[in-house]
C-alpha cells in the first residue's frame, strides 16, 4: 500500500544552478519522509534542470514539471494542480530548510488541526557569505503564548503583522487552500502577498511555531525580488487586490487597521528598495497620487500599537514634499548616504539651489546628465542648459534628447548659477578658474559631484 503523502513541497526554479543542490539536499534529507517534491522549471536556460534530473534518479519523490518562463507565481500554481499531499509547502529555490522543519510543522498542524502554521527563520547574506540572525520579538509579542488562533482573535486583529507575506516559512492545509480557490499572482515580484495574507485572514486555525526552521537567502542579485524596480507597480497591485478581496469577504472592517499599517510600512519599504531613481520616483508619486487617495491610510489609521510614529512622519513627508526634497531631506539626516543614492543615479543637490532659477550645467558625463534629466522632469528650474568641452562628441551621441553646447556659451547668456558636475576635484578647480578668469562671479559657480 502506497504511503500517504503528508507534505507536497513545490519549488519554482529558474536559473538557480548555484543554489539548487543545497535546496534539494535540505528537502531530500528531511526527517519527514512521506513527502513529494514538485520542481516546476520556469524556462531555465542554465544547468538547473539537469541537476534536478540527477537528483530524481536517486530519489523517486522528485517530480519535474516544465513551463515557459512566466515567473514564480504561475509556476507555483502549476505545481499545486499536481500536489497530493495533505499540506503544501512552497520553497524558494535559493533557500533551504533545517532537516526537521517539515516534521515539526506537520506535527504541529496535525496536533492542533491547523489550516496554516508559521515558523521563524534566519537569513543567509550572500554578500557576507554567512548566516544572519533575525529577531522575532515584535511578532512574538503579538502572538504571545497562543498555540492556535485566528487573525480575528489577535490584539488589533494584527494578522498582517505576525509574518511577512511570503510562503516559504509556512505550511498550508491543501483542502483549505483549494476551498478558498486562492492562487499566486502572476507578477514578476510581490507575487505571494495576496495568497498568503488572504489565507491568513480567512483561516480559523493558525499556529505560530517559535523555532527557526528555514534559512532565506538575501543579497542574491539574480533573485526576482532584487529586480522590483523593473516592475515597481506590482507591489501596489498587490495592496489593491488584498483590499478588494477583504471587502468581498466582508472582512475589511475587521482587518482594516492591520492592513493599513502594513500598507504604510510596505510602501516605505518599497520606496527604499528601488534601485534606480526613475523607479523610486515612480513609486513616490504613485503613493501620493494613487495609493493614498484610494486607501486613505492617514484618514483611517488610528493610533494604536501597530505602527511607529517615525513611520507616520516618514509617510507624511512622501505626501507633502516633492521627490527631490524628500531625497535631499533623507541625505541631510543621514537616513540614506550620498553613496547609496549614487548607485541609483546622481541626485541633484536640491535646496542648495533656489527653485525657479536658471542654471547651466558644466559637464555632460554621467553626473551632468543625471542632474539635467532630474531638473527637466521635475521642473525645479526655470531653465536648464548643459555644456561640455567635448560638446562635438556628445552631439554625435544619442543622449536622450539632451543638447550639449560649447562651454563659451556661459559668457554670452544669462543665468543664475553654473553647476560644475564633474567628480574630479582638480578638474573642478581648473574649470572654475577658467570661468572666473572669463568674468564669471565666483558666487555664481557651484561644484557638485
Protein backbone atom coordinates (compact mmCIF):
# COMPACT_ATOMS: atom_id res chain seq x y z
CA UNK A 1 0.00 0.00 0.00
CA UNK A 2 1.40 3.39 -1.02
CA UNK A 3 2.34 5.66 1.90
CA UNK A 4 0.16 8.70 2.39
CA UNK A 5 1.88 11.88 1.21
CA UNK A 6 1.93 14.23 4.16
CA UNK A 7 3.51 17.29 2.53
CA UNK A 8 3.88 18.43 -1.08
CA UNK A 9 6.88 20.73 -1.47
CA UNK A 10 6.53 22.95 -4.53
CA UNK A 11 9.73 24.60 -5.75
CA UNK A 12 9.62 27.15 -8.59
CA UNK A 13 13.04 27.02 -10.26
CA UNK A 14 14.59 29.39 -12.76
CA UNK A 15 18.34 29.55 -13.44
CA UNK A 16 19.34 28.62 -9.89
CA UNK A 17 22.31 26.42 -10.77
CA UNK A 18 24.50 27.77 -7.90
CA UNK A 19 21.83 27.07 -5.24
CA UNK A 20 19.61 24.17 -6.28
CA UNK A 21 21.83 21.43 -4.82
CA UNK A 22 21.73 22.94 -1.33
CA UNK A 23 17.98 23.44 -1.68
CA UNK A 24 17.31 19.85 -2.78
CA UNK A 25 19.69 18.38 -0.20
CA UNK A 26 17.76 20.17 2.53
CA UNK A 27 14.48 18.71 1.24
CA UNK A 28 15.57 15.18 0.35
CA UNK A 29 17.16 14.78 3.78
CA UNK A 30 14.14 15.91 5.78
CA UNK A 31 13.30 13.75 8.79
CA UNK A 32 9.73 13.66 7.46
CA UNK A 33 9.94 11.07 4.68
CA UNK A 34 6.34 10.95 3.41
CA UNK A 35 6.73 13.89 1.06
CA UNK A 36 6.69 14.68 -2.64
CA UNK A 37 8.99 17.26 -4.21
CA UNK A 38 7.46 19.06 -7.19
CA UNK A 39 10.03 21.12 -9.08
CA UNK A 40 8.43 23.45 -11.61
CA UNK A 41 11.01 24.66 -14.09
CA UNK A 42 10.11 28.15 -15.29
CA UNK A 43 12.10 28.01 -18.54
CA UNK A 44 15.63 27.75 -17.13
CA UNK A 45 18.48 28.24 -19.60
CA UNK A 46 21.36 27.04 -17.39
CA UNK A 47 22.06 23.56 -15.93
CA UNK A 48 19.34 23.74 -13.27
CA UNK A 49 17.11 21.06 -14.82
CA UNK A 50 19.94 18.60 -15.45
CA UNK A 51 20.96 18.90 -11.79
CA UNK A 52 17.38 18.19 -10.68
CA UNK A 53 17.24 15.16 -13.01
CA UNK A 54 20.38 13.76 -11.39
CA UNK A 55 18.66 14.03 -8.00
CA UNK A 56 15.49 12.49 -9.46
CA UNK A 57 17.42 9.36 -10.45
CA UNK A 58 18.29 8.80 -6.79
CA UNK A 59 15.02 9.98 -5.22
CA UNK A 60 11.71 8.99 -6.80
CA UNK A 61 9.84 11.52 -4.68
CA UNK A 62 11.09 14.24 -7.04
CA UNK A 63 8.86 15.24 -9.96
CA UNK A 64 9.76 17.75 -12.67
CA UNK A 65 7.21 19.94 -14.45
CA UNK A 66 8.24 22.36 -17.19
CA UNK A 67 6.67 25.57 -18.42
CA UNK A 68 7.65 28.62 -20.44
CA UNK A 69 9.05 31.48 -18.38
CA UNK A 70 6.04 33.00 -16.58
CA UNK A 71 7.60 33.74 -13.18
CA UNK A 72 7.37 32.06 -9.79
CA UNK A 73 3.68 32.66 -9.06
CA UNK A 74 2.48 30.87 -12.17
CA UNK A 75 4.99 28.06 -11.53
CA UNK A 76 3.66 27.52 -8.00
CA UNK A 77 0.06 27.48 -9.26
CA UNK A 78 1.10 24.92 -11.85
CA UNK A 79 2.68 22.74 -9.20
CA UNK A 80 -0.39 22.96 -6.93
CA UNK A 81 -2.51 21.26 -9.60
CA UNK A 82 -0.49 18.06 -9.15
CA UNK A 83 0.01 18.18 -5.38
CA UNK A 84 -1.24 15.11 -3.48
CA UNK A 85 -0.03 15.99 0.00
CA UNK A 86 -2.21 16.82 2.98
CA UNK A 87 -0.24 20.05 3.33
CA UNK A 88 1.52 22.39 0.92
CA UNK A 89 4.97 23.88 1.34
CA UNK A 90 6.45 26.44 -1.07
CA UNK A 91 10.23 26.72 -1.04
CA UNK A 92 12.23 29.30 -2.98
CA UNK A 93 14.95 27.53 -4.94
CA UNK A 94 17.77 29.59 -3.41
CA UNK A 95 16.59 28.96 0.18
CA UNK A 96 16.88 25.86 2.31
CA UNK A 97 15.26 24.19 5.31
CA UNK A 98 16.64 22.78 8.56
CA UNK A 99 16.43 18.94 8.50
CA UNK A 100 13.40 18.75 10.82
CA UNK A 101 11.41 21.71 9.50
CA UNK A 102 8.67 19.78 7.73
CA UNK A 103 8.29 17.23 10.50
CA UNK A 104 7.87 19.90 13.18
CA UNK A 105 5.42 21.96 11.13
CA UNK A 106 3.46 18.84 10.14
CA UNK A 107 3.24 17.58 13.72
CA UNK A 108 2.11 21.00 14.95
CA UNK A 109 -0.50 21.24 12.19
CA UNK A 110 -1.86 17.75 12.82
CA UNK A 111 -1.92 18.11 16.60
CA UNK A 112 -3.82 21.41 16.52
CA UNK A 113 -5.72 20.75 13.25
CA UNK A 114 -4.25 23.92 11.77
CA UNK A 115 -5.03 25.45 8.40
CA UNK A 116 -1.81 27.48 8.38
CA UNK A 117 1.30 27.13 10.53
CA UNK A 118 4.12 29.68 10.51
CA UNK A 119 7.71 29.25 11.70
CA UNK A 120 10.62 31.61 12.32
CA UNK A 121 13.78 31.78 10.19
CA UNK A 122 17.24 33.24 9.74
CA UNK A 123 18.83 34.97 6.76
CA UNK A 124 21.85 33.89 4.75
CA UNK A 125 23.51 37.03 3.41
CA UNK A 126 25.07 36.26 0.04
CA UNK A 127 27.25 39.36 0.22
CA UNK A 128 28.68 38.46 3.64
CA UNK A 129 28.76 34.74 2.96
CA UNK A 130 27.26 33.86 6.33
CA UNK A 131 24.02 33.37 8.24
CA UNK A 132 22.49 36.42 9.91
CA UNK A 133 20.06 36.05 12.81
CA UNK A 134 16.66 37.72 12.64
CA UNK A 135 14.75 38.88 15.69
CA UNK A 136 11.07 37.95 16.11
CA UNK A 137 10.37 39.88 19.32
CA UNK A 138 7.73 42.03 17.61
CA UNK A 139 5.86 39.09 16.07
CA UNK A 140 6.08 37.01 19.23
CA UNK A 141 4.75 39.97 21.20
CA UNK A 142 1.58 39.94 19.10
CA UNK A 143 1.09 36.17 19.06
CA UNK A 144 2.10 35.83 22.74
CA UNK A 145 1.54 32.30 24.03
CA UNK A 146 -1.41 31.41 21.82
CA UNK A 147 -0.98 27.93 20.36
CA UNK A 148 -3.94 28.08 17.99
CA UNK A 149 -5.74 31.24 16.95
CA UNK A 150 -7.47 33.11 14.13
CA UNK A 151 -6.45 36.56 12.94
CA UNK A 152 -9.62 38.00 14.42
CA UNK A 153 -8.57 36.90 17.91
CA UNK A 154 -5.27 38.75 17.86
CA UNK A 155 -4.96 42.15 19.51
CA UNK A 156 -5.87 44.74 16.83
CA UNK A 157 -6.63 41.72 14.56
CA UNK A 158 -2.94 42.07 13.58
CA UNK A 159 -2.75 39.23 11.08
CA UNK A 160 -0.64 41.38 8.74
CA UNK A 161 1.98 41.93 11.46
CA UNK A 162 2.66 38.38 12.66
CA UNK A 163 4.51 37.36 9.49
CA UNK A 164 5.76 38.56 6.13
CA UNK A 165 3.74 37.92 3.01
CA UNK A 166 5.95 35.18 1.64
CA UNK A 167 5.11 31.49 1.54
CA UNK A 168 8.34 29.60 2.24
CA UNK A 169 8.13 29.81 6.07
CA UNK A 170 4.63 28.33 6.24
CA UNK A 171 2.67 25.11 5.84
CA UNK A 172 -0.83 25.29 4.33
CA UNK A 173 -3.62 22.73 4.60
CA UNK A 174 -4.25 21.67 0.99
CA UNK A 175 -8.01 21.28 1.34
CA UNK A 176 -8.25 24.76 2.90
CA UNK A 177 -6.29 26.34 0.06
CA UNK A 178 -8.38 24.61 -2.59
CA UNK A 179 -11.60 25.55 -0.83
CA UNK A 180 -10.71 29.26 -0.98
CA UNK A 181 -9.54 28.95 -4.59
CA UNK A 182 -6.67 31.38 -3.95
CA UNK A 183 -3.64 31.29 -6.18
CA UNK A 184 -0.40 33.22 -6.50
CA UNK A 185 -0.38 36.33 -8.65
CA UNK A 186 1.46 36.19 -11.96
CA UNK A 187 3.57 39.26 -11.11
CA UNK A 188 7.33 39.27 -11.58
CA UNK A 189 7.68 40.28 -7.90
CA UNK A 190 5.40 40.64 -4.85
CA UNK A 191 3.52 37.65 -6.24
CA UNK A 192 2.82 35.85 -2.96
CA UNK A 193 1.34 38.61 -0.77
CA UNK A 194 -2.26 38.12 -1.88
CA UNK A 195 -2.12 34.33 -1.50
CA UNK A 196 -0.51 34.38 1.95
CA UNK A 197 -2.36 37.23 3.62
CA UNK A 198 -5.82 36.26 2.39
CA UNK A 199 -5.35 32.69 3.62
CA UNK A 200 -4.27 34.05 7.00
CA UNK A 201 -7.24 36.42 7.11
CA UNK A 202 -9.70 33.62 6.37
CA UNK A 203 -8.11 30.88 8.46
CA UNK A 204 -9.84 29.95 11.70
CA UNK A 205 -6.91 27.90 12.99
CA UNK A 206 -3.39 29.37 12.70
CA UNK A 207 -0.30 28.19 14.55
CA UNK A 208 2.96 30.07 15.20
CA UNK A 209 5.98 27.88 15.90
CA UNK A 210 8.69 29.85 17.70
CA UNK A 211 11.58 27.93 16.17
CA UNK A 212 13.90 28.97 13.34
CA UNK A 213 13.42 26.26 10.74
CA UNK A 214 14.13 27.99 7.41
CA UNK A 215 17.06 29.94 6.00
CA UNK A 216 16.22 32.65 3.50
CA UNK A 217 18.92 33.90 1.16
CA UNK A 218 19.31 37.66 0.78
CA UNK A 219 21.71 39.69 -1.34
CA UNK A 220 21.24 37.38 -4.36
CA UNK A 221 21.45 39.85 -7.24
CA UNK A 222 19.78 37.37 -9.62
CA UNK A 223 16.69 36.93 -7.46
CA UNK A 224 13.45 38.39 -8.83
CA UNK A 225 12.95 40.14 -5.51
CA UNK A 226 16.03 42.18 -6.40
CA UNK A 227 14.52 43.36 -9.68
CA UNK A 228 11.44 45.10 -8.29
CA UNK A 229 12.39 48.35 -9.98
CA UNK A 230 11.66 46.74 -13.36
CA UNK A 231 8.07 46.09 -12.28
CA UNK A 232 7.64 48.58 -9.46
CA UNK A 233 3.86 48.78 -9.76
CA UNK A 234 3.37 45.13 -8.73
CA UNK A 235 3.53 45.88 -5.02
CA UNK A 236 0.74 48.39 -5.35
CA UNK A 237 -1.36 45.97 -7.37
CA UNK A 238 -0.93 43.51 -4.51
CA UNK A 239 -2.21 46.03 -1.95
CA UNK A 240 -5.26 46.85 -4.06
CA UNK A 241 -6.12 43.20 -4.71
CA UNK A 242 -5.84 42.34 -1.00
CA UNK A 243 -8.19 45.15 -0.05
CA UNK A 244 -10.73 44.23 -2.74
CA UNK A 245 -10.83 40.60 -1.60
CA UNK A 246 -11.14 41.55 2.07
CA UNK A 247 -14.11 43.73 1.14
CA UNK A 248 -15.60 40.94 -0.95
CA UNK A 249 -15.34 38.55 2.01
CA UNK A 250 -16.78 41.21 4.35
CA UNK A 251 -13.54 41.18 6.34
CA UNK A 252 -12.15 44.64 5.63
CA UNK A 253 -13.59 46.38 8.69
CA UNK A 254 -12.18 43.61 10.88
CA UNK A 255 -8.64 43.84 9.48
CA UNK A 256 -8.60 47.49 8.35
CA UNK A 257 -6.14 48.79 10.95
CA UNK A 258 -3.79 45.86 10.50
CA UNK A 259 -3.95 46.15 6.72
CA UNK A 260 -3.46 49.93 6.61
CA UNK A 261 -0.46 49.69 8.94
CA UNK A 262 1.00 47.03 6.67
CA UNK A 263 0.26 49.15 3.59
CA UNK A 264 2.02 52.17 5.09
CA UNK A 265 5.12 50.20 6.11
CA UNK A 266 5.16 48.31 2.81
CA UNK A 267 5.13 51.48 0.75
CA UNK A 268 8.04 52.96 2.70
CA UNK A 269 9.96 49.69 2.27
CA UNK A 270 9.10 49.51 -1.43
CA UNK A 271 10.20 53.10 -1.97
CA UNK A 272 13.61 52.47 -0.40
CA UNK A 273 14.02 49.12 -2.18
CA UNK A 274 14.00 50.63 -5.67
CA UNK A 275 17.50 50.53 -7.13
CA UNK A 276 17.04 53.25 -9.75
CA UNK A 277 15.98 56.85 -9.23
CA UNK A 278 13.41 56.54 -12.01
CA UNK A 279 11.65 53.63 -10.31
CA UNK A 280 11.94 55.33 -6.94
CA UNK A 281 10.36 58.50 -8.31
CA UNK A 282 7.55 56.46 -9.90
CA UNK A 283 6.82 54.77 -6.55
CA UNK A 284 6.94 58.08 -4.72
CA UNK A 285 4.34 59.80 -6.87
CA UNK A 286 2.18 56.69 -7.26
CA UNK A 287 1.93 56.53 -3.47
CA UNK A 288 0.70 60.11 -3.12
CA UNK A 289 -1.43 60.32 -6.28
CA UNK A 290 -2.99 56.83 -6.42
CA UNK A 291 -2.48 54.73 -3.31
CA UNK A 292 -3.15 57.28 -0.57
CA UNK A 293 -6.31 58.71 -2.24
CA UNK A 294 -7.51 55.14 -2.81
CA UNK A 295 -6.71 53.62 0.59
CA UNK A 296 -6.93 56.76 2.73
CA UNK A 297 -4.30 55.47 5.12
CA UNK A 298 -3.91 58.67 7.14
CA UNK A 299 -7.67 59.20 7.24
CA UNK A 300 -8.49 55.81 8.74
CA UNK A 301 -5.37 54.70 10.59
CA UNK A 302 -5.99 55.08 14.32
CA UNK A 303 -3.29 55.46 16.96
CA UNK A 304 -2.56 52.01 18.37
CA UNK A 305 0.34 49.67 18.99
CA UNK A 306 0.84 48.52 15.41
CA UNK A 307 2.74 51.38 13.82
CA UNK A 308 5.59 53.66 14.87
CA UNK A 309 5.37 57.43 14.99
CA UNK A 310 8.55 57.51 12.88
CA UNK A 311 6.81 55.61 10.09
CA UNK A 312 3.86 58.02 10.15
CA UNK A 313 6.21 61.02 9.96
CA UNK A 314 8.12 59.45 7.07
CA UNK A 315 4.91 58.69 5.21
CA UNK A 316 3.68 62.27 5.70
CA UNK A 317 6.86 63.51 4.06
CA UNK A 318 6.05 61.43 0.99
CA UNK A 319 2.67 63.16 0.80
CA UNK A 320 3.93 66.68 1.48
CA UNK A 321 7.37 67.05 -0.13
CA UNK A 322 8.49 66.83 -3.73
CA UNK A 323 10.54 63.75 -4.59
CA UNK A 324 13.68 65.85 -4.79
CA UNK A 325 13.06 67.45 -1.39
CA UNK A 326 12.29 64.02 0.10
CA UNK A 327 15.58 62.54 -1.11
CA UNK A 328 17.62 65.51 -0.03
CA UNK A 329 15.96 65.51 3.40
CA UNK A 330 16.99 61.85 3.90
CA UNK A 331 20.54 62.62 2.81
CA UNK A 332 20.79 65.59 5.17
CA UNK A 333 19.54 63.49 8.09
CA UNK A 334 21.90 60.68 7.07
CA UNK A 335 18.98 58.25 6.76
CA UNK A 336 20.49 57.36 3.40
CA UNK A 337 24.01 58.08 2.18
CA UNK A 338 25.03 60.01 -0.90
CA UNK A 339 26.91 56.88 -1.98
CA UNK A 340 23.71 54.83 -1.83
CA UNK A 341 21.92 57.43 -3.96
CA UNK A 342 24.79 57.43 -6.40
CA UNK A 343 24.25 53.73 -7.03
CA UNK A 344 20.77 54.67 -8.19
CA UNK A 345 21.93 57.77 -10.04
CA UNK A 346 23.45 61.11 -9.06
CA UNK A 347 20.97 63.18 -7.04
CA UNK A 348 20.90 66.89 -7.78
CA UNK A 349 21.54 68.97 -4.61
CA UNK A 350 18.05 70.41 -4.27
CA UNK A 351 17.50 73.01 -1.56
CA UNK A 352 21.05 74.34 -2.08
CA UNK A 353 19.88 75.88 -5.36
CA UNK A 354 16.74 78.01 -5.25
CA UNK A 355 13.72 76.75 -7.10
CA UNK A 356 12.85 78.63 -10.30
CA UNK A 357 16.41 79.72 -11.10
CA UNK A 358 18.19 79.42 -14.45
CA UNK A 359 21.27 77.22 -14.44
CA UNK A 360 23.96 75.94 -16.76
CA UNK A 361 25.44 72.52 -16.06
CA UNK A 362 29.11 72.19 -16.98
CA UNK A 363 29.86 68.55 -17.73
CA UNK A 364 27.90 66.11 -19.90
CA UNK A 365 29.16 62.95 -18.23
CA UNK A 366 27.05 60.68 -16.05
CA UNK A 367 26.69 63.23 -13.25
CA UNK A 368 25.74 66.12 -15.51
CA UNK A 369 23.24 64.07 -17.50
CA UNK A 370 21.62 62.73 -14.31
CA UNK A 371 21.29 66.28 -12.98
CA UNK A 372 19.89 67.53 -16.28
CA UNK A 373 17.25 64.79 -16.57
CA UNK A 374 16.10 65.24 -12.97
CA UNK A 375 15.75 69.00 -13.36
CA UNK A 376 13.85 68.72 -16.65
CA UNK A 377 11.49 66.04 -15.28
CA UNK A 378 10.84 67.87 -12.02
CA UNK A 379 10.55 71.37 -13.47
CA UNK A 380 12.58 72.58 -10.50
CA UNK A 381 14.48 75.20 -12.50
CA UNK A 382 13.16 77.83 -14.90
CA UNK A 383 15.80 77.00 -17.50
CA UNK A 384 18.48 74.31 -17.73
CA UNK A 385 21.28 74.07 -20.30
CA UNK A 386 24.31 71.80 -20.40
CA UNK A 387 27.80 72.47 -21.79
CA UNK A 388 30.94 70.41 -22.17
CA UNK A 389 34.38 70.87 -23.68
CA UNK A 390 33.77 67.73 -25.73
CA UNK A 391 30.40 69.03 -26.93
CA UNK A 392 31.03 67.94 -30.53
CA UNK A 393 31.49 64.33 -29.40
CA UNK A 394 28.30 64.42 -27.35
CA UNK A 395 26.35 65.98 -30.21
CA UNK A 396 27.06 62.86 -32.26
CA UNK A 397 25.84 60.58 -29.46
CA UNK A 398 22.27 59.73 -28.58
CA UNK A 399 21.84 61.36 -25.16
CA UNK A 400 18.08 61.04 -24.60
CA UNK A 401 17.29 64.38 -26.29
CA UNK A 402 19.96 66.24 -24.31
CA UNK A 403 21.54 69.02 -26.39
CA UNK A 404 25.14 69.58 -25.30
CA UNK A 405 26.52 73.03 -26.15
CA UNK A 406 30.01 74.56 -26.23
CA UNK A 407 31.40 75.99 -22.93
CA UNK A 408 31.81 79.55 -24.33
CA UNK A 409 28.01 79.78 -24.09
CA UNK A 410 28.40 80.78 -20.44
CA UNK A 411 29.91 84.14 -21.43
CA UNK A 412 27.04 85.09 -23.76
CA UNK A 413 23.87 84.11 -21.88
CA UNK A 414 22.01 84.98 -18.69
CA UNK A 415 21.91 82.51 -15.80
CA UNK A 416 21.79 82.39 -12.02
CA UNK A 417 24.23 79.54 -11.41
CA UNK A 418 26.80 77.42 -13.19
CA UNK A 419 26.91 73.89 -11.77
CA UNK A 420 30.23 72.12 -12.38
CA UNK A 421 29.07 68.49 -12.43
CA UNK A 422 32.38 66.69 -12.54
CA UNK A 423 33.73 64.24 -9.97
CA UNK A 424 37.46 65.04 -10.13
CA UNK A 425 38.28 67.88 -7.73
CA UNK A 426 41.30 69.12 -9.71
CA UNK A 427 39.26 69.39 -12.89
CA UNK A 428 36.59 71.30 -10.96
CA UNK A 429 39.24 73.81 -9.80
CA UNK A 430 40.60 74.27 -13.32
CA UNK A 431 37.14 74.90 -14.81
CA UNK A 432 36.22 77.30 -12.00
CA UNK A 433 39.47 79.25 -12.52
CA UNK A 434 38.75 79.47 -16.27
CA UNK A 435 35.23 80.76 -15.60
CA UNK A 436 36.40 83.38 -13.09
CA UNK A 437 39.14 84.49 -15.46
CA UNK A 438 36.45 84.98 -18.10
CA UNK A 439 34.48 87.29 -15.83
CA UNK A 440 32.01 84.95 -14.09
CA UNK A 441 31.40 85.90 -10.46
CA UNK A 442 32.72 83.15 -8.08
CA UNK A 443 29.49 83.10 -6.02
CA UNK A 444 27.58 82.04 -9.14
CA UNK A 445 29.72 78.91 -9.53
CA UNK A 446 28.87 75.72 -7.62
CA UNK A 447 30.76 72.41 -7.75
CA UNK A 448 28.85 69.17 -7.18
CA UNK A 449 29.81 65.62 -7.97
